Amino acid sequence: MKIFILLLFLIVTLESNAQSYIVIYPADCINCMAGIYQLQKRYPKEKFKLVYPAEFKKDKESIIENFGEDKIKGMNLIFSDSFTSKYKLGIGSFLLLLNQDKVYFKQELKNIEYRKLDYAFGKLSILKNVRRVALDAEQLPARYLTTPYNSHYLALENNFGKFSICDLETQQYRSLKVDNKMHKELYKILYADSFEYKYPIIKKLISEMPIYRPKLSEVKLGADKKIYLQITITNYFLKQNKTSDTAFFFDNMIATYNFDRDKITSLHRLDNRSLLPMYFTTFIPLREAIAIHSENIKHPNKPILSLAKLGDNGYEKVEETNVMKNSKFIEFKINNVGERLLNYENYIIGRYDNTIYDIVNKKVIDVKLADSFSADIYQLYNKIRDPFVAVHYNKALSKNKKGELILLFSYKKNSFLFNINTSQLTKIPKQIANTLGTGKNYPLGFDKDAHTLVWLVWETKELIYYTHDLL
């Protein structure tokens, strides 16, 4: 237990040691008192610390009387000789803003530039609400494709069908992929009674062309620390023609995975027959069900999300939701494979969509963004796979403390928070990213609610959590 606590202490950094010091030069009392009164008036909530040379400690009562007890109330008096030499202060009274012993502001009290001071206080206010969690670089892939995330886990996909999953509470890592030992088990479930006949054919194909091996294609993070896996598996059928050619296609299986036991606890096929004539894309784990994301190629105006349950043949479609395909996708004939659906509780929205669907209450909520945001959606056809173009790109949904629904999205290299209930749009200030050192990285999403943003900073291999008051 002691080792575990020490480990967490090492990997989690709280940047909350900001202090404001007024270092007094006794011969400068008139200027310093006027400066202090102005600082108190401009920053009434700030707890300044007054630093006098150590020899003046015996004059503490006189100092309080000189300032006025009501004026000095709430200020700590410190008697020390180290500040002047340590921070290279000249002759005169100085204001020092420090965090983790780093100087964020240093100016003579009588010549303070308040615009710069406001900016420094802003930076320190940000740092007071920051938590950093270092990731183990040895456990991470060289590059990542996708980053499934929630408040419990971070999953990183490499370029070869392998996922690294980190438990953010315990800092344990798991490496997931479909290995050769699993192939036979997967095909037994897929083929059932036809296994003895069909498996030798597919086994021969895989031995000749390993690219067709079963692959872990997605990790899905559900509620209550549930982890789901989507496994893509090659299948085939014989064409009913003169040549009896063999046609290969992809089937999908859904597994549940227990992180603590490092074990797949259930494995079921997806009954494609229940989806016909739908084209399967992926699935979304809801709190009480699985939702299948698919589309009807010939009838794009049909719902694209259906609830599914376990039946005799695996997961079967049982009920359509009210989630529809993005109208721009229909207009430009873009397949839904390019549209990721985000979900929060019973709310669903596409990455590039301006509509939120409440699938429980069967309601549709229009996201009333300004025209300048929605107007660029038409460029989607050519720019869908470029994350840095001027396209409105949804990142996450959550709720604030009032229970209002908040959408996090990116647009033209900036990030925004949009209150769905009040239509209030808030740009996340650049100062936050500059202070946190997130570089060009967009927020990954929310933590437990909309008041905490999370960044994955790949350059420094860390997660940065920032609790804000922007809403």
Protein backbone atom coordinates (compact mmCIF):
# COMPACT_ATOMS: atom_id res chain seq x y z
CA MET A 1 0.00 0.00 0.00
CA LYS A 2 2.84 2.43 0.81
CA ILE A 3 4.46 1.80 -2.58
CA PHE A 4 1.17 2.42 -4.38
CA ILE A 5 0.63 5.77 -2.63
CA LEU A 6 4.17 6.84 -3.45
CA LEU A 7 3.65 5.92 -7.11
CA LEU A 8 0.56 8.12 -7.39
CA PHE A 9 2.43 10.96 -5.71
CA LEU A 10 5.13 10.74 -8.34
CA ILE A 11 2.88 10.69 -11.37
CA VAL A 12 0.25 13.27 -10.36
CA THR A 13 1.32 16.90 -10.17
CA LEU A 14 -0.90 19.64 -8.79
CA GLU A 15 0.17 23.13 -9.85
CA SER A 16 -1.51 25.01 -7.02
CA ASN A 17 1.29 26.64 -5.00
CA ALA A 18 0.84 30.20 -6.30
CA GLN A 19 1.83 32.96 -3.83
CA SER A 20 1.78 36.77 -3.96
CA TYR A 21 4.51 38.59 -2.04
CA ILE A 22 5.05 42.32 -1.46
CA VAL A 23 8.68 42.72 -0.44
CA ILE A 24 8.98 45.93 1.56
CA TYR A 25 11.93 48.32 1.41
CA PRO A 26 11.52 50.21 4.73
CA ALA A 27 12.91 53.51 3.41
CA ASP A 28 10.19 53.50 0.72
CA CYS A 29 7.15 53.44 3.02
CA ILE A 30 5.09 56.19 1.37
CA ASN A 31 5.34 54.65 -2.13
CA CYS A 32 4.88 51.11 -0.85
CA MET A 33 1.77 51.93 1.18
CA ALA A 34 0.14 53.73 -1.75
CA GLY A 35 0.97 50.75 -4.00
CA ILE A 36 -0.43 48.26 -1.49
CA TYR A 37 -3.70 50.15 -1.14
CA GLN A 38 -4.07 50.19 -4.95
CA LEU A 39 -3.35 46.45 -5.18
CA GLN A 40 -5.93 45.71 -2.50
CA LYS A 41 -8.51 47.79 -4.31
CA ARG A 42 -7.82 46.19 -7.71
CA TYR A 43 -7.50 42.60 -6.43
CA PRO A 44 -9.76 42.39 -3.33
CA LYS A 45 -9.76 38.57 -3.24
CA GLU A 46 -6.00 38.17 -3.43
CA LYS A 47 -4.17 37.21 -0.22
CA PHE A 48 -0.93 39.19 -0.37
CA LYS A 49 1.99 38.44 1.96
CA LEU A 50 4.06 41.38 3.28
CA VAL A 51 7.78 40.63 3.59
CA TYR A 52 9.94 42.80 5.87
CA PRO A 53 13.64 42.39 6.70
CA ALA A 54 14.12 40.00 9.62
CA GLU A 55 15.37 42.76 11.96
CA PHE A 56 11.91 44.40 11.91
CA LYS A 57 10.17 41.41 13.52
CA LYS A 58 10.23 43.16 16.92
CA ASP A 59 8.37 46.10 15.34
CA LYS A 60 5.42 44.00 14.16
CA GLU A 61 2.81 45.89 16.19
CA SER A 62 4.11 49.24 14.94
CA ILE A 63 3.93 48.03 11.33
CA ILE A 64 0.30 46.98 11.76
CA GLU A 65 -0.53 50.31 13.40
CA ASN A 66 1.27 52.24 10.65
CA PHE A 67 -0.65 50.51 7.85
CA GLY A 68 -3.95 50.54 9.66
CA GLU A 69 -5.32 47.33 11.11
CA ASP A 70 -8.30 47.29 8.73
CA LYS A 71 -6.01 47.74 5.71
CA ILE A 72 -3.60 44.99 6.65
CA LYS A 73 -6.34 42.56 7.68
CA GLY A 74 -6.04 39.26 5.81
CA MET A 75 -2.39 39.87 4.89
CA ASN A 76 0.33 37.65 6.33
CA LEU A 77 3.42 39.34 7.73
CA ILE A 78 6.72 37.57 6.98
CA PHE A 79 10.12 38.63 8.31
CA SER A 80 12.94 37.35 6.11
CA ASP A 81 16.17 38.56 4.48
CA SER A 82 16.27 35.92 1.75
CA PHE A 83 13.83 37.38 -0.79
CA THR A 84 15.99 40.33 -1.91
CA SER A 85 19.03 38.22 -2.78
CA LYS A 86 17.21 35.09 -3.98
CA TYR A 87 15.03 36.95 -6.48
CA LYS A 88 17.58 39.69 -7.25
CA LEU A 89 15.46 42.61 -6.14
CA GLY A 90 16.92 46.10 -6.38
CA ILE A 91 16.43 49.07 -4.08
CA GLY A 92 12.73 49.70 -3.51
CA SER A 93 9.57 47.74 -2.70
CA PHE A 94 8.65 44.96 -5.12
CA LEU A 95 5.67 42.77 -5.98
CA LEU A 96 6.53 39.10 -6.58
CA LEU A 97 4.18 36.45 -7.98
CA LEU A 98 5.59 32.94 -7.51
CA ASN A 99 4.45 29.42 -8.33
CA GLN A 100 6.53 26.35 -7.49
CA ASP A 101 9.39 28.82 -6.80
CA LYS A 102 9.15 30.14 -10.37
CA VAL A 103 8.79 33.91 -10.84
CA TYR A 104 5.71 34.86 -12.88
CA PHE A 105 5.81 38.59 -12.17
CA LYS A 106 8.39 40.94 -10.63
CA GLN A 107 8.10 44.74 -10.69
CA GLU A 108 8.78 47.66 -8.41
CA LEU A 109 5.64 48.58 -6.53
CA LYS A 110 5.55 52.21 -7.67
CA ASN A 111 5.90 51.27 -11.39
CA ILE A 112 3.54 48.32 -11.79
CA GLU A 113 2.22 47.67 -15.31
CA TYR A 114 -1.26 46.43 -14.47
CA ARG A 115 -1.98 44.90 -17.87
CA LYS A 116 1.00 42.58 -17.43
CA LEU A 117 0.00 41.94 -13.82
CA ASP A 118 -3.54 41.00 -14.88
CA TYR A 119 -2.08 38.51 -17.36
CA ALA A 120 0.22 37.03 -14.69
CA PHE A 121 -2.66 36.64 -12.24
CA GLY A 122 -4.63 34.99 -15.03
CA LYS A 123 -1.85 32.45 -15.58
CA LEU A 124 -1.61 31.69 -11.86
CA SER A 125 -5.39 31.35 -11.62
CA ILE A 126 -5.21 28.73 -14.37
CA LEU A 127 -2.34 26.87 -12.68
CA LYS A 128 -4.27 26.70 -9.40
CA ASN A 129 -6.79 24.48 -11.17
CA VAL A 130 -4.47 22.14 -13.05
CA ARG A 131 -3.64 18.49 -12.47
CA ARG A 132 -1.12 16.61 -14.58
CA VAL A 133 -0.91 12.83 -14.90
CA ALA A 134 2.29 11.48 -16.46
CA LEU A 135 1.92 8.50 -18.79
CA ASP A 136 4.48 5.73 -19.03
CA ALA A 137 6.12 6.27 -22.42
CA GLU A 138 7.37 2.68 -22.46
CA GLN A 139 3.79 1.42 -22.40
CA LEU A 140 2.57 3.68 -25.21
CA PRO A 141 2.71 3.14 -28.98
CA ALA A 142 5.09 5.09 -31.19
CA ARG A 143 2.08 6.80 -32.76
CA TYR A 144 -1.64 6.58 -32.13
CA LEU A 145 -4.69 6.54 -34.37
CA THR A 146 -7.58 6.80 -31.93
CA THR A 147 -7.85 7.73 -28.25
CA PRO A 148 -10.98 6.36 -26.54
CA TYR A 149 -11.19 8.16 -23.20
CA ASN A 150 -13.38 8.51 -20.13
CA SER A 151 -12.72 9.42 -16.49
CA HIS A 152 -11.57 5.83 -15.77
CA TYR A 153 -9.49 4.76 -18.79
CA LEU A 154 -7.41 6.01 -21.69
CA ALA A 155 -6.97 3.69 -24.68
CA LEU A 156 -4.45 4.32 -27.46
CA GLU A 157 -4.56 2.49 -30.79
CA ASN A 158 -1.38 1.93 -32.75
CA ASN A 159 -1.12 1.35 -36.51
CA PHE A 160 -1.20 -2.43 -36.26
CA GLY A 161 -4.43 -3.37 -34.48
CA LYS A 162 -3.07 -3.14 -30.95
CA PHE A 163 -4.42 -1.03 -28.08
CA SER A 164 -2.69 0.15 -24.92
CA ILE A 165 -5.18 0.81 -22.10
CA CYS A 166 -4.30 2.75 -18.96
CA ASP A 167 -6.33 2.67 -15.74
CA LEU A 168 -6.05 6.35 -14.80
CA GLU A 169 -6.62 5.67 -11.11
CA THR A 170 -4.08 2.90 -10.55
CA GLN A 171 -1.75 3.71 -13.48
CA GLN A 172 -1.79 0.07 -14.56
CA TYR A 173 -1.47 -0.69 -18.27
CA ARG A 174 -2.83 -3.48 -20.43
CA SER A 175 -1.86 -4.37 -23.99
CA LEU A 176 -4.71 -5.71 -26.11
CA LYS A 177 -4.72 -7.40 -29.51
CA VAL A 178 -6.23 -10.47 -31.14
CA ASP A 179 -3.48 -13.08 -31.01
CA ASN A 180 -3.28 -16.35 -32.95
CA LYS A 181 -4.59 -18.36 -29.99
CA MET A 182 -7.93 -16.55 -30.22
CA HIS A 183 -8.57 -17.24 -33.91
CA LYS A 184 -10.06 -20.68 -33.48
CA GLU A 185 -12.29 -19.60 -30.59
CA LEU A 186 -13.60 -16.65 -32.62
CA TYR A 187 -14.48 -18.83 -35.61
CA LYS A 188 -16.17 -21.42 -33.41
CA ILE A 189 -18.58 -18.74 -32.25
CA LEU A 190 -18.98 -17.30 -35.74
CA TYR A 191 -19.59 -20.58 -37.57
CA ALA A 192 -21.28 -22.61 -34.81
CA ASP A 193 -22.48 -25.86 -36.44
CA SER A 194 -20.60 -25.09 -39.67
CA PHE A 195 -17.24 -24.75 -37.96
CA GLU A 196 -15.74 -28.13 -38.97
CA TYR A 197 -16.60 -27.48 -42.61
CA LYS A 198 -15.82 -23.77 -42.97
CA TYR A 199 -12.86 -23.17 -40.65
CA PRO A 200 -10.20 -25.06 -42.69
CA ILE A 201 -10.92 -22.78 -45.68
CA ILE A 202 -10.57 -19.56 -43.72
CA LYS A 203 -7.54 -20.91 -41.86
CA LYS A 204 -5.79 -21.56 -45.18
CA LEU A 205 -6.61 -18.03 -46.36
CA ILE A 206 -5.15 -16.49 -43.20
CA SER A 207 -1.96 -18.58 -43.43
CA GLU A 208 -1.45 -17.40 -47.02
CA MET A 209 -2.46 -13.77 -46.40
CA PRO A 210 -1.99 -12.79 -42.72
CA ILE A 211 -3.55 -9.39 -43.44
CA TYR A 212 -6.94 -11.17 -43.19
CA ARG A 213 -6.39 -12.31 -39.60
CA PRO A 214 -9.07 -11.27 -37.07
CA LYS A 215 -8.25 -7.80 -35.80
CA LEU A 216 -9.16 -5.73 -32.77
CA SER A 217 -10.65 -2.73 -34.58
CA GLU A 218 -12.02 -0.64 -31.71
CA VAL A 219 -12.10 -0.27 -27.93
CA LYS A 220 -15.29 1.20 -26.48
CA LEU A 221 -15.43 2.62 -22.97
CA GLY A 222 -18.85 2.33 -21.35
CA ALA A 223 -20.39 3.34 -18.03
CA ASP A 224 -19.37 1.80 -14.69
CA LYS A 225 -15.84 0.99 -15.96
CA LYS A 226 -17.17 -1.40 -18.63
CA ILE A 227 -14.86 -2.02 -21.59
CA TYR A 228 -16.12 -3.35 -24.91
CA LEU A 229 -14.07 -4.58 -27.86
CA GLN A 230 -15.04 -4.65 -31.52
CA ILE A 231 -13.29 -7.45 -33.39
CA THR A 232 -13.32 -7.56 -37.18
CA ILE A 233 -13.19 -11.09 -38.54
CA THR A 234 -12.88 -12.30 -42.15
CA ASN A 235 -15.71 -14.50 -43.44
CA TYR A 236 -16.67 -15.94 -46.84
CA PHE A 237 -19.44 -17.45 -48.90
CA LEU A 238 -19.59 -19.32 -52.20
CA LYS A 239 -21.11 -17.37 -55.05
CA GLN A 240 -24.02 -19.09 -56.70
CA ASN A 241 -22.70 -18.90 -60.26
CA LYS A 242 -21.09 -21.18 -62.80
CA THR A 243 -17.62 -20.80 -61.32
CA SER A 244 -18.66 -21.10 -57.64
CA ASP A 245 -16.19 -18.38 -56.73
CA THR A 246 -15.40 -17.68 -53.09
CA ALA A 247 -16.35 -14.18 -51.93
CA PHE A 248 -14.78 -12.78 -48.77
CA PHE A 249 -16.31 -10.17 -46.49
CA PHE A 250 -15.95 -8.93 -42.91
CA ASP A 251 -18.04 -9.93 -39.93
CA ASN A 252 -17.96 -8.27 -36.52
CA MET A 253 -17.89 -9.58 -32.98
CA ILE A 254 -18.47 -7.71 -29.72
CA ALA A 255 -16.54 -8.67 -26.59
CA THR A 256 -16.54 -7.44 -23.01
CA TYR A 257 -13.19 -7.13 -21.29
CA ASN A 258 -12.35 -7.06 -17.58
CA PHE A 259 -9.34 -4.81 -17.00
CA ASP A 260 -8.51 -6.04 -13.49
CA ARG A 261 -8.55 -9.69 -14.57
CA ASP A 262 -7.00 -8.89 -17.96
CA LYS A 263 -9.53 -11.21 -19.55
CA ILE A 264 -12.27 -11.23 -22.18
CA THR A 265 -15.38 -12.17 -20.21
CA SER A 266 -17.89 -12.52 -23.05
CA LEU A 267 -17.75 -12.81 -26.81
CA HIS A 268 -20.71 -12.58 -29.18
CA ARG A 269 -21.19 -12.21 -32.88
CA LEU A 270 -23.20 -9.41 -34.41
CA ASP A 271 -26.16 -10.85 -36.27
CA ASN A 272 -25.78 -9.06 -39.59
CA ARG A 273 -29.02 -10.59 -40.87
CA SER A 274 -30.99 -8.47 -38.42
CA LEU A 275 -29.37 -5.35 -39.93
CA LEU A 276 -30.03 -6.06 -43.60
CA PRO A 277 -30.09 -4.11 -45.83
CA MET A 278 -27.94 -2.02 -43.50
CA TYR A 279 -24.21 -1.47 -43.77
CA PHE A 280 -22.55 -1.98 -40.38
CA THR A 281 -20.16 0.71 -39.15
CA THR A 282 -19.66 0.35 -35.41
CA PHE A 283 -21.50 0.23 -32.10
CA ILE A 284 -21.97 2.45 -29.05
CA PRO A 285 -22.18 1.07 -25.51
CA LEU A 286 -25.05 2.69 -23.63
CA ARG A 287 -25.71 2.26 -19.92
CA GLU A 288 -28.40 -0.39 -20.39
CA ALA A 289 -27.90 -1.54 -23.97
CA ILE A 290 -25.77 -1.69 -27.10
CA ALA A 291 -26.57 0.66 -29.98
CA ILE A 292 -25.59 -0.44 -33.50
CA HIS A 293 -24.43 2.30 -35.84
CA SER A 294 -25.24 1.31 -39.42
CA GLU A 295 -26.85 2.74 -42.52
CA ASN A 296 -29.12 1.75 -45.36
CA ILE A 297 -27.15 2.33 -48.53
CA LYS A 298 -30.21 2.58 -50.78
CA HIS A 299 -32.31 4.57 -48.32
CA PRO A 300 -30.03 7.09 -46.55
CA ASN A 301 -32.98 8.85 -44.90
CA LYS A 302 -33.54 5.90 -42.59
CA PRO A 303 -32.29 5.99 -38.94
CA ILE A 304 -28.62 5.05 -38.56
CA LEU A 305 -28.66 3.91 -34.92
CA SER A 306 -30.54 0.89 -33.57
CA LEU A 307 -30.77 -0.67 -30.13
CA ALA A 308 -29.64 -4.30 -29.97
CA LYS A 309 -29.95 -7.16 -27.52
CA LEU A 310 -28.41 -10.59 -27.16
CA GLY A 311 -30.33 -13.33 -28.97
CA ASP A 312 -29.64 -16.87 -30.17
CA ASN A 313 -27.42 -15.56 -32.98
CA GLY A 314 -25.57 -12.87 -31.02
CA TYR A 315 -26.47 -9.19 -30.88
CA GLU A 316 -29.67 -8.57 -32.85
CA LYS A 317 -31.25 -5.32 -33.90
CA VAL A 318 -34.52 -4.84 -32.00
CA GLU A 319 -35.50 -1.18 -32.28
CA GLU A 320 -34.55 1.85 -34.35
CA THR A 321 -33.73 5.13 -32.64
CA ASN A 322 -34.42 8.62 -33.98
CA VAL A 323 -30.77 9.26 -34.96
CA MET A 324 -30.50 10.24 -38.62
CA LYS A 325 -27.64 10.57 -41.06
CA ASN A 326 -26.02 14.00 -41.40
CA SER A 327 -27.79 15.80 -44.26
CA LYS A 328 -24.45 16.91 -45.73
CA PHE A 329 -23.30 13.30 -45.79
CA ILE A 330 -26.41 12.45 -47.79
CA GLU A 331 -25.96 15.41 -50.12
CA PHE A 332 -22.35 14.54 -50.95
CA LYS A 333 -22.88 10.76 -50.79
CA ILE A 334 -20.37 10.34 -47.94
CA ASN A 335 -20.48 6.96 -46.25
CA ASN A 336 -21.13 7.02 -42.52
CA VAL A 337 -17.79 5.37 -41.83
CA GLY A 338 -16.43 8.93 -41.72
CA GLU A 339 -18.97 10.10 -39.13
CA ARG A 340 -18.25 9.14 -35.53
CA LEU A 341 -21.16 9.33 -33.14
CA LEU A 342 -20.54 10.77 -29.67
CA ASN A 343 -22.78 9.86 -26.78
CA TYR A 344 -23.42 11.13 -23.27
CA GLU A 345 -26.17 9.44 -21.26
CA ASN A 346 -29.11 9.30 -23.71
CA TYR A 347 -27.78 12.02 -26.03
CA ILE A 348 -26.14 11.33 -29.41
CA ILE A 349 -24.40 13.70 -31.82
CA GLY A 350 -22.19 13.15 -34.87
CA ARG A 351 -18.69 14.56 -35.03
CA TYR A 352 -19.67 16.98 -37.79
CA ASP A 353 -23.35 17.41 -37.02
CA ASN A 354 -25.47 20.29 -35.70
CA THR A 355 -28.19 18.06 -34.26
CA ILE A 356 -28.35 16.26 -30.91
CA TYR A 357 -30.69 13.28 -30.56
CA ASP A 358 -32.29 12.28 -27.28
CA ILE A 359 -32.87 8.60 -28.01
CA VAL A 360 -34.83 7.91 -24.82
CA ASN A 361 -37.36 10.72 -25.11
CA LYS A 362 -37.27 10.67 -28.94
CA LYS A 363 -36.40 14.37 -29.12
CA VAL A 364 -34.28 16.28 -31.61
CA ILE A 365 -32.25 19.28 -30.40
CA ASP A 366 -30.88 21.71 -32.97
CA VAL A 367 -27.47 23.12 -32.05
CA LYS A 368 -27.99 26.78 -32.87
CA LEU A 369 -24.45 27.74 -33.78
CA ALA A 370 -23.69 30.94 -35.61
CA ASP A 371 -23.78 30.76 -39.41
CA SER A 372 -20.01 31.24 -39.52
CA PHE A 373 -19.62 27.79 -37.95
CA SER A 374 -22.21 25.82 -39.86
CA ALA A 375 -21.48 27.44 -43.23
CA ASP A 376 -18.21 25.56 -43.69
CA ILE A 377 -19.83 22.14 -43.34
CA TYR A 378 -20.22 21.97 -47.13
CA GLN A 379 -16.44 21.59 -47.39
CA LEU A 380 -16.71 18.25 -45.62
CA TYR A 381 -16.59 16.21 -48.79
CA ASN A 382 -12.95 17.03 -49.52
CA LYS A 383 -11.71 17.77 -46.00
CA ILE A 384 -13.32 15.19 -43.75
CA ARG A 385 -10.06 13.50 -42.81
CA ASP A 386 -8.06 16.69 -42.14
CA PRO A 387 -8.43 17.71 -38.48
CA PHE A 388 -6.95 21.17 -39.04
CA VAL A 389 -9.37 22.56 -41.61
CA ALA A 390 -12.15 25.07 -40.96
CA VAL A 391 -14.81 22.49 -40.22
CA HIS A 392 -16.91 22.41 -37.08
CA TYR A 393 -15.72 19.28 -35.26
CA ASN A 394 -17.57 18.01 -32.17
CA LYS A 395 -15.41 16.51 -29.40
CA ALA A 396 -17.59 15.68 -26.37
CA LEU A 397 -20.90 16.15 -24.56
CA SER A 398 -21.42 16.54 -20.83
CA LYS A 399 -23.43 18.56 -18.30
CA ASN A 400 -22.53 21.48 -16.04
CA LYS A 401 -23.42 21.81 -12.37
CA LYS A 402 -26.86 23.18 -13.29
CA GLY A 403 -27.64 20.08 -15.33
CA GLU A 404 -27.37 21.98 -18.63
CA LEU A 405 -26.00 20.12 -21.65
CA ILE A 406 -22.60 21.38 -22.85
CA LEU A 407 -21.01 20.63 -26.24
CA LEU A 408 -17.23 20.86 -26.68
CA PHE A 409 -16.16 21.42 -30.29
CA SER A 410 -13.24 22.72 -32.33
CA TYR A 411 -13.31 25.18 -35.19
CA LYS A 412 -10.43 26.88 -37.05
CA LYS A 413 -7.82 25.71 -34.53
CA ASN A 414 -9.85 27.06 -31.60
CA SER A 415 -12.00 25.20 -29.08
CA PHE A 416 -15.41 26.24 -27.81
CA LEU A 417 -18.01 25.36 -25.18
CA PHE A 418 -21.62 25.66 -26.28
CA ASN A 419 -24.47 25.61 -23.75
CA ILE A 420 -27.29 23.76 -25.51
CA ASN A 421 -29.93 25.03 -23.07
CA THR A 422 -29.04 28.74 -23.21
CA SER A 423 -27.29 28.93 -26.63
CA GLN A 424 -24.32 30.63 -24.93
CA LEU A 425 -21.09 30.18 -26.87
CA THR A 426 -17.76 30.44 -24.99
CA LYS A 427 -14.38 30.39 -26.66
CA ILE A 428 -11.70 28.65 -24.62
CA PRO A 429 -9.03 31.39 -24.26
CA LYS A 430 -5.66 30.82 -25.91
CA GLN A 431 -4.06 31.81 -22.60
CA ILE A 432 -5.25 28.52 -21.12
CA ALA A 433 -3.48 26.42 -23.76
CA ASN A 434 -0.38 28.64 -23.60
CA THR A 435 -0.21 28.39 -19.80
CA LEU A 436 -0.84 24.65 -19.67
CA GLY A 437 1.62 23.94 -22.46
CA THR A 438 -0.83 21.91 -24.54
CA GLY A 439 0.69 23.11 -27.81
CA LYS A 440 -1.52 22.52 -30.84
CA ASN A 441 -3.47 19.76 -29.11
CA TYR A 442 -7.24 20.19 -28.84
CA PRO A 443 -8.98 19.13 -25.62
CA LEU A 444 -9.56 15.39 -25.60
CA GLY A 445 -12.90 15.79 -23.84
CA PHE A 446 -14.40 16.30 -20.39
CA ASP A 447 -13.56 14.52 -17.16
CA LYS A 448 -16.45 13.83 -14.77
CA ASP A 449 -18.49 16.86 -15.87
CA ALA A 450 -18.28 19.84 -18.22
CA HIS A 451 -16.30 21.91 -15.70
CA THR A 452 -13.09 19.90 -16.20
CA LEU A 453 -11.36 19.74 -19.58
CA VAL A 454 -8.75 17.11 -20.43
CA TRP A 455 -5.86 17.32 -22.89
CA LEU A 456 -3.62 14.52 -24.10
CA VAL A 457 -0.22 16.11 -24.78
CA TRP A 458 1.71 13.57 -26.80
CA GLU A 459 4.95 15.55 -26.85
CA THR A 460 5.27 15.32 -23.04
CA LYS A 461 3.29 12.03 -22.65
CA GLU A 462 0.84 13.38 -20.10
CA LEU A 463 -2.82 14.08 -19.46
CA ILE A 464 -3.62 17.62 -18.32
CA TYR A 465 -6.83 18.24 -16.36
CA TYR A 466 -8.07 21.83 -16.05
CA THR A 467 -11.04 22.72 -13.85
CA HIS A 468 -12.51 25.98 -15.17
CA ASP A 469 -15.24 28.54 -14.51
CA LEU A 470 -15.93 29.41 -18.14
CA LEU A 471 -19.55 28.22 -18.03
